[in-house]
PDB file of N, CA and C in Angstrom:
ATOM      1  N   MET A   1      13.733  14.749  -0.826  1.00  0.00           N
ATOM      2  CA  MET A   1      13.999  14.019  -1.901  1.00  0.00           C
ATOM      3  C   MET A   1      13.060  13.901  -3.127  1.00  0.00           C
ATOM      4  N   ASN A   2      13.585  14.364  -4.051  1.00  0.00           N
ATOM      5  CA  ASN A   2      12.386  14.999  -5.572  1.00  0.00           C
ATOM      6  C   ASN A   2      13.067  13.295  -6.303  1.00  0.00           C
ATOM      7  N   LEU A   3      11.901  12.712  -6.583  1.00  0.00           N
ATOM      8  CA  LEU A   3      12.315  11.578  -7.539  1.00  0.00           C
ATOM      9  C   LEU A   3      11.604  11.761  -8.761  1.00  0.00           C
ATOM     10  N   PHE A   4      11.590  11.032  -9.777  1.00  0.00           N
ATOM     11  CA  PHE A   4      10.625  11.433 -11.020  1.00  0.00           C
ATOM     12  C   PHE A   4       9.828  10.046 -10.746  1.00  0.00           C
ATOM     13  N   GLY A   5       8.965  10.000 -11.593  1.00  0.00           N
ATOM     14  CA  GLY A   5       7.316   9.269 -11.721  1.00  0.00           C
ATOM     15  C   GLY A   5       6.723   9.228 -10.594  1.00  0.00           C
ATOM     16  N   LYS A   6       5.919   8.317 -10.078  1.00  0.00           N
ATOM     17  CA  LYS A   6       4.788   8.164  -8.993  1.00  0.00           C
ATOM     18  C   LYS A   6       5.356   7.771  -7.917  1.00  0.00           C
ATOM     19  N   GLY A   7       5.801   6.583  -8.149  1.00  0.00           N
ATOM     20  CA  GLY A   7       6.578   5.809  -7.272  1.00  0.00           C
ATOM     21  C   GLY A   7       6.253   4.585  -6.899  1.00  0.00           C
ATOM     22  N   ASN A   8       4.848   3.848  -7.490  1.00  0.00           N
ATOM     23  CA  ASN A   8       4.449   2.760  -7.866  1.00  0.00           C
ATOM     24  C   ASN A   8       5.318   2.180  -9.080  1.00  0.00           C
ATOM     25  N   GLU A   9       5.938   2.443  -9.636  1.00  0.00           N
ATOM     26  CA  GLU A   9       6.731   1.928 -10.889  1.00  0.00           C
ATOM     27  C   GLU A   9       7.502   0.592 -10.090  1.00  0.00           C
ATOM     28  N   THR A  10       7.599  -0.427 -10.759  1.00  0.00           N
ATOM     29  CA  THR A  10       8.901  -1.508 -10.383  1.00  0.00           C
ATOM     30  C   THR A  10       9.991  -1.347 -10.782  1.00  0.00           C
ATOM     31  N   ARG A  11      10.727  -2.089 -10.300  1.00  0.00           N
ATOM     32  CA  ARG A  11      12.185  -2.601 -11.016  1.00  0.00           C
ATOM     33  C   ARG A  11      12.580  -3.577  -9.992  1.00  0.00           C
ATOM     34  N   ASP A  12      13.365  -4.435 -10.502  1.00  0.00           N
ATOM     35  CA  ASP A  12      14.026  -5.960  -9.692  1.00  0.00           C
ATOM     36  C   ASP A  12      15.598  -5.756  -9.754  1.00  0.00           C
ATOM     37  N   PHE A  13      16.119  -5.291  -8.610  1.00  0.00           N
ATOM     38  CA  PHE A  13      16.949  -4.747  -7.556  1.00  0.00           C
ATOM     39  C   PHE A  13      17.888  -5.922  -7.562  1.00  0.00           C
ATOM     40  N   ILE A  14      19.055  -5.869  -7.660  1.00  0.00           N
ATOM     41  CA  ILE A  14      19.736  -7.192  -7.258  1.00  0.00           C
ATOM     42  C   ILE A  14      21.172  -6.818  -6.352  1.00  0.00           C
ATOM     43  N   TYR A  15      21.644  -7.237  -5.719  1.00  0.00           N
ATOM     44  CA  TYR A  15      22.848  -7.059  -4.654  1.00  0.00           C
ATOM     45  C   TYR A  15      23.499  -7.249  -5.454  1.00  0.00           C
ATOM     46  N   ILE A  16      24.936  -6.490  -5.378  1.00  0.00           N
ATOM     47  CA  ILE A  16      26.124  -7.127  -6.271  1.00  0.00           C
ATOM     48  C   ILE A  16      27.110  -8.545  -5.791  1.00  0.00           C
ATOM     49  N   ALA A  17      26.897  -8.598  -4.642  1.00  0.00           N
ATOM     50  CA  ALA A  17      27.383  -9.687  -4.120  1.00  0.00           C
ATOM     51  C   ALA A  17      26.367 -11.756  -4.429  1.00  0.00           C
ATOM     52  N   ASP A  18      25.298 -10.772  -5.017  1.00  0.00           N
ATOM     53  CA  ASP A  18      24.527 -11.952  -5.695  1.00  0.00           C
ATOM     54  C   ASP A  18      24.967 -11.891  -7.247  1.00  0.00           C
ATOM     55  N   LEU A  19      24.751 -10.679  -8.062  1.00  0.00           N
ATOM     56  CA  LEU A  19      25.427 -10.402  -8.942  1.00  0.00           C
ATOM     57  C   LEU A  19      26.689 -11.167  -9.416  1.00  0.00           C
ATOM     58  N   LEU A  20      27.423 -10.777  -8.583  1.00  0.00           N
ATOM     59  CA  LEU A  20      28.827 -11.592  -8.938  1.00  0.00           C
ATOM     60  C   LEU A  20      28.487 -13.463  -8.541  1.00  0.00           C
ATOM     61  N   ASP A  21      27.624 -13.773  -7.761  1.00  0.00           N
ATOM     62  CA  ASP A  21      27.279 -15.132  -7.869  1.00  0.00           C
ATOM     63  C   ASP A  21      27.014 -15.410  -9.235  1.00  0.00           C
ATOM     64  N   ALA A  22      25.869 -15.096  -9.521  1.00  0.00           N
ATOM     65  CA  ALA A  22      25.493 -15.374 -10.605  1.00  0.00           C
ATOM     66  C   ALA A  22      26.327 -15.187 -12.108  1.00  0.00           C
ATOM     67  N   ILE A  23      27.223 -14.227 -11.995  1.00  0.00           N
ATOM     68  CA  ILE A  23      28.431 -14.678 -13.027  1.00  0.00           C
ATOM     69  C   ILE A  23      28.881 -15.626 -12.799  1.00  0.00           C
ATOM     70  N   SER A  24      29.532 -15.963 -11.819  1.00  0.00           N
ATOM     71  CA  SER A  24      30.572 -17.410 -11.429  1.00  0.00           C
ATOM     72  C   SER A  24      29.462 -18.422 -11.798  1.00  0.00           C
ATOM     73  N   ILE A  25      28.009 -18.463 -11.453  1.00  0.00           N
ATOM     74  CA  ILE A  25      27.008 -19.568 -11.984  1.00  0.00           C
ATOM     75  C   ILE A  25      27.138 -19.494 -13.213  1.00  0.00           C
ATOM     76  N   VAL A  26      27.353 -18.610 -14.624  1.00  0.00           N
ATOM     77  CA  VAL A  26      27.317 -18.560 -15.676  1.00  0.00           C
ATOM     78  C   VAL A  26      28.491 -19.647 -16.197  1.00  0.00           C
ATOM     79  N   ILE A  27      29.895 -18.863 -15.581  1.00  0.00           N
ATOM     80  CA  ILE A  27      30.925 -19.529 -15.792  1.00  0.00           C
ATOM     81  C   ILE A  27      30.954 -20.872 -15.416  1.00  0.00           C
ATOM     82  N   ASP A  28      30.585 -21.193 -14.465  1.00  0.00           N
ATOM     83  CA  ASP A  28      30.922 -22.568 -13.971  1.00  0.00           C
ATOM     84  C   ASP A  28      29.894 -23.706 -15.006  1.00  0.00           C
ATOM     85  N   LYS A  29      28.760 -22.996 -15.043  1.00  0.00           N
ATOM     86  CA  LYS A  29      27.670 -23.937 -15.897  1.00  0.00           C
ATOM     87  C   LYS A  29      27.338 -23.622 -17.452  1.00  0.00           C
ATOM     88  N   GLY A  30      27.417 -22.787 -17.837  1.00  0.00           N
ATOM     89  CA  GLY A  30      26.882 -21.874 -18.703  1.00  0.00           C
ATOM     90  C   GLY A  30      27.558 -22.974 -19.608  1.00  0.00           C
ATOM     91  N   GLU A  31      26.956 -22.612 -20.869  1.00  0.00           N
ATOM     92  CA  GLU A  31      27.108 -23.345 -22.307  1.00  0.00           C
ATOM     93  C   GLU A  31      28.139 -22.428 -23.397  1.00  0.00           C
ATOM     94  N   PHE A  32      28.277 -21.089 -23.211  1.00  0.00           N
ATOM     95  CA  PHE A  32      29.300 -20.164 -23.687  1.00  0.00           C
ATOM     96  C   PHE A  32      28.617 -20.115 -25.493  1.00  0.00           C
ATOM     97  N   ASN A  33      27.286 -20.390 -25.779  1.00  0.00           N
ATOM     98  CA  ASN A  33      27.021 -20.466 -26.929  1.00  0.00           C
ATOM     99  C   ASN A  33      26.474 -19.459 -26.939  1.00  0.00           C
ATOM    100  N   GLY A  34      26.320 -18.225 -26.807  1.00  0.00           N
ATOM    101  CA  GLY A  34      25.725 -16.974 -27.157  1.00  0.00           C
ATOM    102  C   GLY A  34      25.210 -16.544 -26.494  1.00  0.00           C
ATOM    103  N   GLU A  35      24.373 -17.610 -25.439  1.00  0.00           N
ATOM    104  CA  GLU A  35      23.227 -17.231 -24.526  1.00  0.00           C
ATOM    105  C   GLU A  35      23.320 -15.705 -24.095  1.00  0.00           C
ATOM    106  N   THR A  36      22.057 -15.572 -23.478  1.00  0.00           N
ATOM    107  CA  THR A  36      22.120 -14.422 -23.046  1.00  0.00           C
ATOM    108  C   THR A  36      20.865 -14.405 -21.339  1.00  0.00           C
ATOM    109  N   TYR A  37      21.231 -13.502 -20.494  1.00  0.00           N
ATOM    110  CA  TYR A  37      20.286 -13.820 -19.530  1.00  0.00           C
ATOM    111  C   TYR A  37      20.262 -12.660 -18.630  1.00  0.00           C
ATOM    112  N   ASN A  38      19.130 -12.802 -18.126  1.00  0.00           N
ATOM    113  CA  ASN A  38      18.426 -11.546 -17.464  1.00  0.00           C
ATOM    114  C   ASN A  38      18.989 -12.043 -16.202  1.00  0.00           C
ATOM    115  N   LEU A  39      19.070 -10.847 -15.544  1.00  0.00           N
ATOM    116  CA  LEU A  39      19.844 -10.969 -14.008  1.00  0.00           C
ATOM    117  C   LEU A  39      18.773  -9.758 -13.222  1.00  0.00           C
ATOM    118  N   GLY A  40      18.433 -10.535 -11.783  1.00  0.00           N
ATOM    119  CA  GLY A  40      18.188  -9.361 -11.129  1.00  0.00           C
ATOM    120  C   GLY A  40      17.727 -10.543 -10.060  1.00  0.00           C
ATOM    121  N   SER A  41      16.197 -10.213  -9.039  1.00  0.00           N
ATOM    122  CA  SER A  41      16.657 -10.916  -7.968  1.00  0.00           C
ATOM    123  C   SER A  41      15.376 -11.817  -8.196  1.00  0.00           C
ATOM    124  N   ALA A  42      14.156 -11.228  -8.871  1.00  0.00           N
ATOM    125  CA  ALA A  42      12.830 -12.246  -9.173  1.00  0.00           C
ATOM    126  C   ALA A  42      11.886 -12.014  -8.233  1.00  0.00           C
ATOM    127  N   GLN A  43      12.725 -10.623  -7.562  1.00  0.00           N
ATOM    128  CA  GLN A  43      11.687  -9.761  -6.835  1.00  0.00           C
ATOM    129  C   GLN A  43      11.547  -8.292  -7.544  1.00  0.00           C
ATOM    130  N   GLU A  44       9.670  -7.964  -7.723  1.00  0.00           N
ATOM    131  CA  GLU A  44       9.644  -6.861  -7.926  1.00  0.00           C
ATOM    132  C   GLU A  44       9.333  -5.859  -7.069  1.00  0.00           C
ATOM    133  N   THR A  45      10.034  -4.482  -6.569  1.00  0.00           N
ATOM    134  CA  THR A  45       9.611  -3.705  -5.688  1.00  0.00           C
ATOM    135  C   THR A  45       9.416  -2.069  -6.002  1.00  0.00           C
ATOM    136  N   THR A  46       8.477  -1.702  -5.621  1.00  0.00           N
ATOM    137  CA  THR A  46       8.355  -0.342  -5.985  1.00  0.00           C
ATOM    138  C   THR A  46       9.077   0.787  -5.931  1.00  0.00           C
ATOM    139  N   ILE A  47       9.662   1.731  -6.249  1.00  0.00           N
ATOM    140  CA  ILE A  47      10.174   2.776  -6.330  1.00  0.00           C
ATOM    141  C   ILE A  47      10.073   3.485  -4.773  1.00  0.00           C
ATOM    142  N   GLN A  48       8.935   3.568  -4.507  1.00  0.00           N
ATOM    143  CA  GLN A  48       8.411   4.097  -3.446  1.00  0.00           C
ATOM    144  C   GLN A  48       8.542   3.477  -2.211  1.00  0.00           C
ATOM    145  N   GLU A  49       8.924   1.858  -2.134  1.00  0.00           N
ATOM    146  CA  GLU A  49       9.240   1.388  -1.501  1.00  0.00           C
ATOM    147  C   GLU A  49      11.167   0.940  -0.923  1.00  0.00           C
ATOM    148  N   VAL A  50      11.578   1.084  -2.284  1.00  0.00           N
ATOM    149  CA  VAL A  50      13.305   1.359  -2.182  1.00  0.00           C
ATOM    150  C   VAL A  50      13.597   2.721  -1.660  1.00  0.00           C
ATOM    151  N   ALA A  51      13.253   3.476  -2.065  1.00  0.00           N
ATOM    152  CA  ALA A  51      12.883   5.258  -1.410  1.00  0.00           C
ATOM    153  C   ALA A  51      13.436   5.197   0.139  1.00  0.00           C
ATOM    154  N   GLY A  52      11.573   4.500   0.421  1.00  0.00           N
ATOM    155  CA  GLY A  52      11.554   4.693   1.871  1.00  0.00           C
ATOM    156  C   GLY A  52      12.765   3.843   2.611  1.00  0.00           C
ATOM    157  N   ILE A  53      13.139   2.481   1.936  1.00  0.00           N
ATOM    158  CA  ILE A  53      13.806   1.863   3.153  1.00  0.00           C
ATOM    159  C   ILE A  53      15.051   2.211   2.975  1.00  0.00           C
ATOM    160  N   PHE A  54      15.610   3.187   2.086  1.00  0.00           N
ATOM    161  CA  PHE A  54      16.901   3.583   2.079  1.00  0.00           C
ATOM    162  C   PHE A  54      17.034   5.172   2.820  1.00  0.00           C
ATOM    163  N   LEU A  55      15.592   5.695   2.575  1.00  0.00           N
ATOM    164  CA  LEU A  55      15.927   7.112   3.420  1.00  0.00           C
ATOM    165  C   LEU A  55      15.541   6.681   4.844  1.00  0.00           C
ATOM    166  N   SER A  56      14.974   5.867   5.142  1.00  0.00           N
ATOM    167  CA  SER A  56      15.103   5.404   6.695  1.00  0.00           C
ATOM    168  C   SER A  56      16.227   4.736   7.129  1.00  0.00           C
ATOM    169  N   ILE A  57      17.071   4.522   6.776  1.00  0.00           N
ATOM    170  CA  ILE A  57      18.769   3.971   7.127  1.00  0.00           C
ATOM    171  C   ILE A  57      18.954   5.041   7.051  1.00  0.00           C
ATOM    172  N   ILE A  58      19.231   6.178   5.939  1.00  0.00           N
ATOM    173  CA  ILE A  58      20.138   7.382   5.986  1.00  0.00           C
ATOM    174  C   ILE A  58      19.433   8.027   7.094  1.00  0.00           C
ATOM    175  N   ASP A  59      18.362   8.753   7.465  1.00  0.00           N
ATOM    176  CA  ASP A  59      17.520   9.527   8.035  1.00  0.00           C
ATOM    177  C   ASP A  59      16.223   9.614   7.947  1.00  0.00           C
ATOM    178  N   ALA A  60      15.346   9.252   9.255  1.00  0.00           N
ATOM    179  CA  ALA A  60      14.364   8.741   8.884  1.00  0.00           C
ATOM    180  C   ALA A  60      13.477  10.125   8.939  1.00  0.00           C
ATOM    181  N   GLY A  61      13.831  10.982   9.306  1.00  0.00           N
ATOM    182  CA  GLY A  61      13.206  12.439   8.951  1.00  0.00           C
ATOM    183  C   GLY A  61      13.073  12.740   7.427  1.00  0.00           C
ATOM    184  N   LEU A  62      13.817  12.367   6.254  1.00  0.00           N
ATOM    185  CA  LEU A  62      13.892  12.691   5.174  1.00  0.00           C
ATOM    186  C   LEU A  62      12.611  11.924   4.578  1.00  0.00           C
ATOM    187  N   LYS A  63      12.089  12.601   3.927  1.00  0.00           N
ATOM    188  CA  LYS A  63      10.945  12.337   2.827  1.00  0.00           C
ATOM    189  C   LYS A  63      11.021  12.289   1.757  1.00  0.00           C
ATOM    190  N   THR A  64      10.226  11.540   0.392  1.00  0.00           N
ATOM    191  CA  THR A  64      10.801  11.165  -0.812  1.00  0.00           C
ATOM    192  C   THR A  64       9.367  12.097  -1.400  1.00  0.00           C
ATOM    193  N   ASN A  65       9.710  12.684  -2.578  1.00  0.00           N
ATOM    194  CA  ASN A  65       8.362  13.750  -3.348  1.00  0.00           C
ATOM    195  C   ASN A  65       8.523  12.912  -4.505  1.00  0.00           C
ATOM    196  N   PHE A  66       7.453  12.529  -4.796  1.00  0.00           N
ATOM    197  CA  PHE A  66       7.661  12.476  -6.593  1.00  0.00           C
ATOM    198  C   PHE A  66       6.809  13.053  -7.567  1.00  0.00           C
ATOM    199  N   ASN A  67       7.620  13.315  -8.435  1.00  0.00           N
ATOM    200  CA  ASN A  67       7.192  14.333  -9.036  1.00  0.00           C
ATOM    201  C   ASN A  67       5.939  14.064 -10.514  1.00  0.00           C
ATOM    202  N   GLY A  68       5.402  12.900 -10.715  1.00  0.00           N
ATOM    203  CA  GLY A  68       4.663  12.560 -11.566  1.00  0.00           C
ATOM    204  C   GLY A  68       5.016  12.043 -12.820  1.00  0.00           C
ATOM    205  N   ILE A  69       6.357  12.606 -13.492  1.00  0.00           N
ATOM    206  CA  ILE A  69       6.923  13.146 -14.608  1.00  0.00           C
ATOM    207  C   ILE A  69       7.514  11.344 -14.932  1.00  0.00           C
ATOM    208  N   GLN A  70       6.945  10.985 -15.795  1.00  0.00           N
ATOM    209  CA  GLN A  70       7.513   9.887 -16.464  1.00  0.00           C
ATOM    210  C   GLN A  70       8.502   9.812 -17.313  1.00  0.00           C
ATOM    211  N   LYS A  71       9.868   9.742 -17.227  1.00  0.00           N
ATOM    212  CA  LYS A  71      11.432   9.649 -18.355  1.00  0.00           C
ATOM    213  C   LYS A  71      10.828   8.938 -19.627  1.00  0.00           C
ATOM    214  N   PRO A  72      10.809   9.462 -20.777  1.00  0.00           N
ATOM    215  CA  PRO A  72      10.708   8.763 -21.909  1.00  0.00           C
ATOM    216  C   PRO A  72      11.570   7.544 -22.220  1.00  0.00           C
ATOM    217  N   GLY A  73      10.927   6.227 -22.265  1.00  0.00           N
ATOM    218  CA  GLY A  73      12.108   4.956 -22.415  1.00  0.00           C
ATOM    219  C   GLY A  73      11.691   4.026 -20.579  1.00  0.00           C
ATOM    220  N   ASP A  74      11.716   4.953 -19.796  1.00  0.00           N
ATOM    221  CA  ASP A  74      11.603   4.069 -18.834  1.00  0.00           C
ATOM    222  C   ASP A  74      10.118   3.395 -18.821  1.00  0.00           C
ATOM    223  N   PRO A  75      10.367   2.424 -18.331  1.00  0.00           N
ATOM    224  CA  PRO A  75       9.008   1.035 -18.129  1.00  0.00           C
ATOM    225  C   PRO A  75       8.940   1.374 -16.658  1.00  0.00           C
ATOM    226  N   LEU A  76       7.489   1.142 -16.928  1.00  0.00           N
ATOM    227  CA  LEU A  76       6.404   1.472 -15.931  1.00  0.00           C
ATOM    228  C   LEU A  76       7.078   0.113 -14.397  1.00  0.00           C
ATOM    229  N   PHE A  77       7.228  -0.987 -15.054  1.00  0.00           N
ATOM    230  CA  PHE A  77       7.127  -2.293 -14.256  1.00  0.00           C
ATOM    231  C   PHE A  77       8.254  -3.143 -15.031  1.00  0.00           C
ATOM    232  N   TRP A  78       9.198  -3.947 -14.430  1.00  0.00           N
ATOM    233  CA  TRP A  78       9.985  -4.485 -14.730  1.00  0.00           C
ATOM    234  C   TRP A  78      10.639  -5.489 -13.642  1.00  0.00           C
ATOM    235  N   LYS A  79      10.935  -6.942 -14.192  1.00  0.00           N
ATOM    236  CA  LYS A  79      10.954  -7.857 -13.364  1.00  0.00           C
ATOM    237  C   LYS A  79      11.948  -8.474 -14.391  1.00  0.00           C
ATOM    238  N   ALA A  80      12.915  -9.053 -13.581  1.00  0.00           N
ATOM    239  CA  ALA A  80      13.538  -9.866 -14.628  1.00  0.00           C
ATOM    240  C   ALA A  80      12.720 -11.595 -15.087  1.00  0.00           C
ATOM    241  N   ASP A  81      12.944 -11.951 -15.946  1.00  0.00           N
ATOM    242  CA  ASP A  81      12.559 -12.938 -16.605  1.00  0.00           C
ATOM    243  C   ASP A  81      13.822 -14.171 -15.620  1.00  0.00           C
ATOM    244  N   MET A  82      14.402 -14.693 -14.481  1.00  0.00           N
ATOM    245  CA  MET A  82      14.972 -15.651 -13.805  1.00  0.00           C
ATOM    246  C   MET A  82      15.554 -16.855 -14.541  1.00  0.00           C
ATOM    247  N   SER A  83      13.957 -17.719 -15.307  1.00  0.00           N
ATOM    248  CA  SER A  83      14.612 -18.775 -15.464  1.00  0.00           C
ATOM    249  C   SER A  83      15.409 -19.830 -16.347  1.00  0.00           C
ATOM    250  N   LYS A  84      16.422 -19.003 -17.097  1.00  0.00           N
ATOM    251  CA  LYS A  84      17.797 -19.716 -17.552  1.00  0.00           C
ATOM    252  C   LYS A  84      18.883 -19.772 -16.359  1.00  0.00           C
ATOM    253  N   LEU A  85      18.804 -18.646 -15.381  1.00  0.00           N
ATOM    254  CA  LEU A  85      19.447 -18.890 -14.766  1.00  0.00           C
ATOM    255  C   LEU A  85      19.395 -19.458 -13.244  1.00  0.00           C
ATOM    256  N   GLN A  86      18.015 -19.559 -13.070  1.00  0.00           N
ATOM    257  CA  GLN A  86      17.366 -20.490 -11.804  1.00  0.00           C
ATOM    258  C   GLN A  86      18.006 -21.555 -12.514  1.00  0.00           C
ATOM    259  N   ALA A  87      17.378 -22.153 -13.862  1.00  0.00           N
ATOM    260  CA  ALA A  87      18.073 -23.582 -14.162  1.00  0.00           C
ATOM    261  C   ALA A  87      19.546 -23.759 -14.034  1.00  0.00           C
ATOM    262  N   LEU A  88      20.167 -23.007 -13.909  1.00  0.00           N
ATOM    263  CA  LEU A  88      21.681 -23.212 -13.708  1.00  0.00           C
ATOM    264  C   LEU A  88      22.128 -23.399 -12.151  1.00  0.00           C
ATOM    265  N   GLY A  89      20.695 -22.827 -11.473  1.00  0.00           N
ATOM    266  CA  GLY A  89      20.995 -23.135  -9.834  1.00  0.00           C
ATOM    267  C   GLY A  89      20.860 -21.787  -9.182  1.00  0.00           C
ATOM    268  N   PHE A  90      20.642 -20.334  -9.643  1.00  0.00           N
ATOM    269  CA  PHE A  90      21.089 -19.548  -9.199  1.00  0.00           C
ATOM    270  C   PHE A  90      19.553 -18.893  -8.602  1.00  0.00           C
ATOM    271  N   GLU A  91      20.186 -18.495  -7.784  1.00  0.00           N
ATOM    272  CA  GLU A  91      19.016 -17.457  -6.504  1.00  0.00           C
ATOM    273  C   GLU A  91      19.876 -16.599  -5.870  1.00  0.00           C
ATOM    274  N   ALA A  92      19.105 -15.330  -5.934  1.00  0.00           N
ATOM    275  CA  ALA A  92      19.781 -14.462  -4.935  1.00  0.00           C
ATOM    276  C   ALA A  92      19.203 -14.495  -3.624  1.00  0.00           C
ATOM    277  N   THR A  93      19.977 -14.159  -3.065  1.00  0.00           N
ATOM    278  CA  THR A  93      19.959 -14.208  -1.637  1.00  0.00           C
ATOM    279  C   THR A  93      19.760 -13.172  -0.628  1.00  0.00           C
ATOM    280  N   THR A  94      20.241 -12.159  -0.898  1.00  0.00           N
ATOM    281  CA  THR A  94      20.335 -10.641  -0.176  1.00  0.00           C
ATOM    282  C   THR A  94      19.176  -9.848  -0.465  1.00  0.00           C
ATOM    283  N   ASP A  95      18.342  -9.911   0.824  1.00  0.00           N
ATOM    284  CA  ASP A  95      16.961  -8.871   0.381  1.00  0.00           C
ATOM    285  C   ASP A  95      17.287  -7.081   0.083  1.00  0.00           C
ATOM    286  N   ILE A  96      16.732  -6.859  -0.197  1.00  0.00           N
ATOM    287  CA  ILE A  96      16.738  -5.579  -0.631  1.00  0.00           C
ATOM    288  C   ILE A  96      16.898  -4.412   0.863  1.00  0.00           C
ATOM    289  N   GLN A  97      16.256  -4.648   1.679  1.00  0.00           N
ATOM    290  CA  GLN A  97      16.637  -4.013   2.799  1.00  0.00           C
ATOM    291  C   GLN A  97      18.082  -4.615   3.425  1.00  0.00           C
ATOM    292  N   GLU A  98      18.765  -5.650   3.543  1.00  0.00           N
ATOM    293  CA  GLU A  98      20.096  -5.868   3.839  1.00  0.00           C
ATOM    294  C   GLU A  98      21.113  -5.345   2.836  1.00  0.00           C
ATOM    295  N   GLY A  99      20.334  -5.232   1.181  1.00  0.00           N
ATOM    296  CA  GLY A  99      21.428  -4.657   0.202  1.00  0.00           C
ATOM    297  C   GLY A  99      21.837  -3.407   0.666  1.00  0.00           C
ATOM    298  N   LEU A 100      20.314  -2.569   0.542  1.00  0.00           N
ATOM    299  CA  LEU A 100      20.773  -1.066   1.094  1.00  0.00           C
ATOM    300  C   LEU A 100      21.153  -0.687   2.098  1.00  0.00           C
ATOM    301  N   LYS A 101      21.283  -1.370   3.061  1.00  0.00           N
ATOM    302  CA  LYS A 101      22.418  -1.092   4.295  1.00  0.00           C
ATOM    303  C   LYS A 101      23.161  -1.490   4.258  1.00  0.00           C
ATOM    304  N   SER A 102      24.299  -2.785   3.582  1.00  0.00           N
ATOM    305  CA  SER A 102      25.119  -2.648   2.932  1.00  0.00           C
ATOM    306  C   SER A 102      25.866  -1.541   2.106  1.00  0.00           C
ATOM    307  N   TYR A 103      25.156  -0.987   1.230  1.00  0.00           N
ATOM    308  CA  TYR A 103      25.257  -0.020   0.327  1.00  0.00           C
ATOM    309  C   TYR A 103      25.923   1.084   1.006  1.00  0.00           C
ATOM    310  N   TYR A 104      24.638   1.593   1.781  1.00  0.00           N
ATOM    311  CA  TYR A 104      24.951   2.329   2.639  1.00  0.00           C
ATOM    312  C   TYR A 104      26.075   2.654   3.655  1.00  0.00           C
ATOM    313  N   GLN A 105      26.330   1.352   4.566  1.00  0.00           N
ATOM    314  CA  GLN A 105      27.831   1.269   4.961  1.00  0.00           C
ATOM    315  C   GLN A 105      29.382   1.303   4.353  1.00  0.00           C
ATOM    316  N   TRP A 106      28.869   0.849   2.999  1.00  0.00           N
ATOM    317  CA  TRP A 106      29.974   1.209   1.818  1.00  0.00           C
ATOM    318  C   TRP A 106      30.014   2.410   1.660  1.00  0.00           C
ATOM    319  N   ILE A 107      29.250   3.216   1.323  1.00  0.00           N
ATOM    320  CA  ILE A 107      29.340   4.835   0.940  1.00  0.00           C
ATOM    321  C   ILE A 107      29.766   5.181   2.105  1.00  0.00           C
ATOM    322  N   LYS A 108      29.414   5.064   3.520  1.00  0.00           N
ATOM    323  CA  LYS A 108      30.338   6.000   4.370  1.00  0.00           C
ATOM    324  C   LYS A 108      31.577   5.374   4.669  1.00  0.00           C
ATOM    325  N   GLN A 109      31.692   4.521   3.974  1.00  0.00           N
ATOM    326  CA  GLN A 109      33.484   3.819   4.362  1.00  0.00           C
ATOM    327  C   GLN A 109      33.989   5.024   3.414  1.00  0.00           C
ATOM    328  N   LEU A 110      33.998   4.698   1.934  1.00  0.00           N
ATOM    329  CA  LEU A 110      34.441   5.557   0.874  1.00  0.00           C
ATOM    330  C   LEU A 110      34.496   7.366   1.463  1.00  0.00           C
ATOM    331  N   GLU A 111      33.458   7.689   2.539  1.00  0.00           N
ATOM    332  CA  GLU A 111      33.595   9.101   2.568  1.00  0.00           C
ATOM    333  C   GLU A 111      34.685   9.600   3.624  1.00  0.00           C
ATOM    334  N   SER A 112      34.833   8.181   4.612  1.00  0.00           N
ATOM    335  CA  SER A 112      35.933   8.552   5.228  1.00  0.00           C
ATOM    336  C   SER A 112      37.574   8.568   4.887  1.00  0.00           C
ATOM    337  N   VAL A 113      37.520   8.096   3.690  1.00  0.00           N
ATOM    338  CA  VAL A 113      38.551   7.633   2.962  1.00  0.00           C
ATOM    339  C   VAL A 113      39.527   9.049   2.727  1.00  0.00           C
TER     340      VAL A 113
END
């Protein structure tokens, strides 16, 4: 699998069920006065780690190749400031490995339809 970057770039991934929980919390507890909320898991994960986890789920024999090219506009490191959502009581509960396993199972279900 060929990917852009060097693999040490980070992102703050969030599983869809946690995203929906965050939206529900904002609906229930937000003030609706034009506030914006950053959304993530509050965990910074390298692209190399995420790719490795996902490939181990799909096929442990697959390898990742990073081309070293950084796409214009892509940040090197990205972690959401979760302080506003956390103040409302939100905390992501799905770790990256569990989320990727569930995502892959969902993809497999779609393929069988």
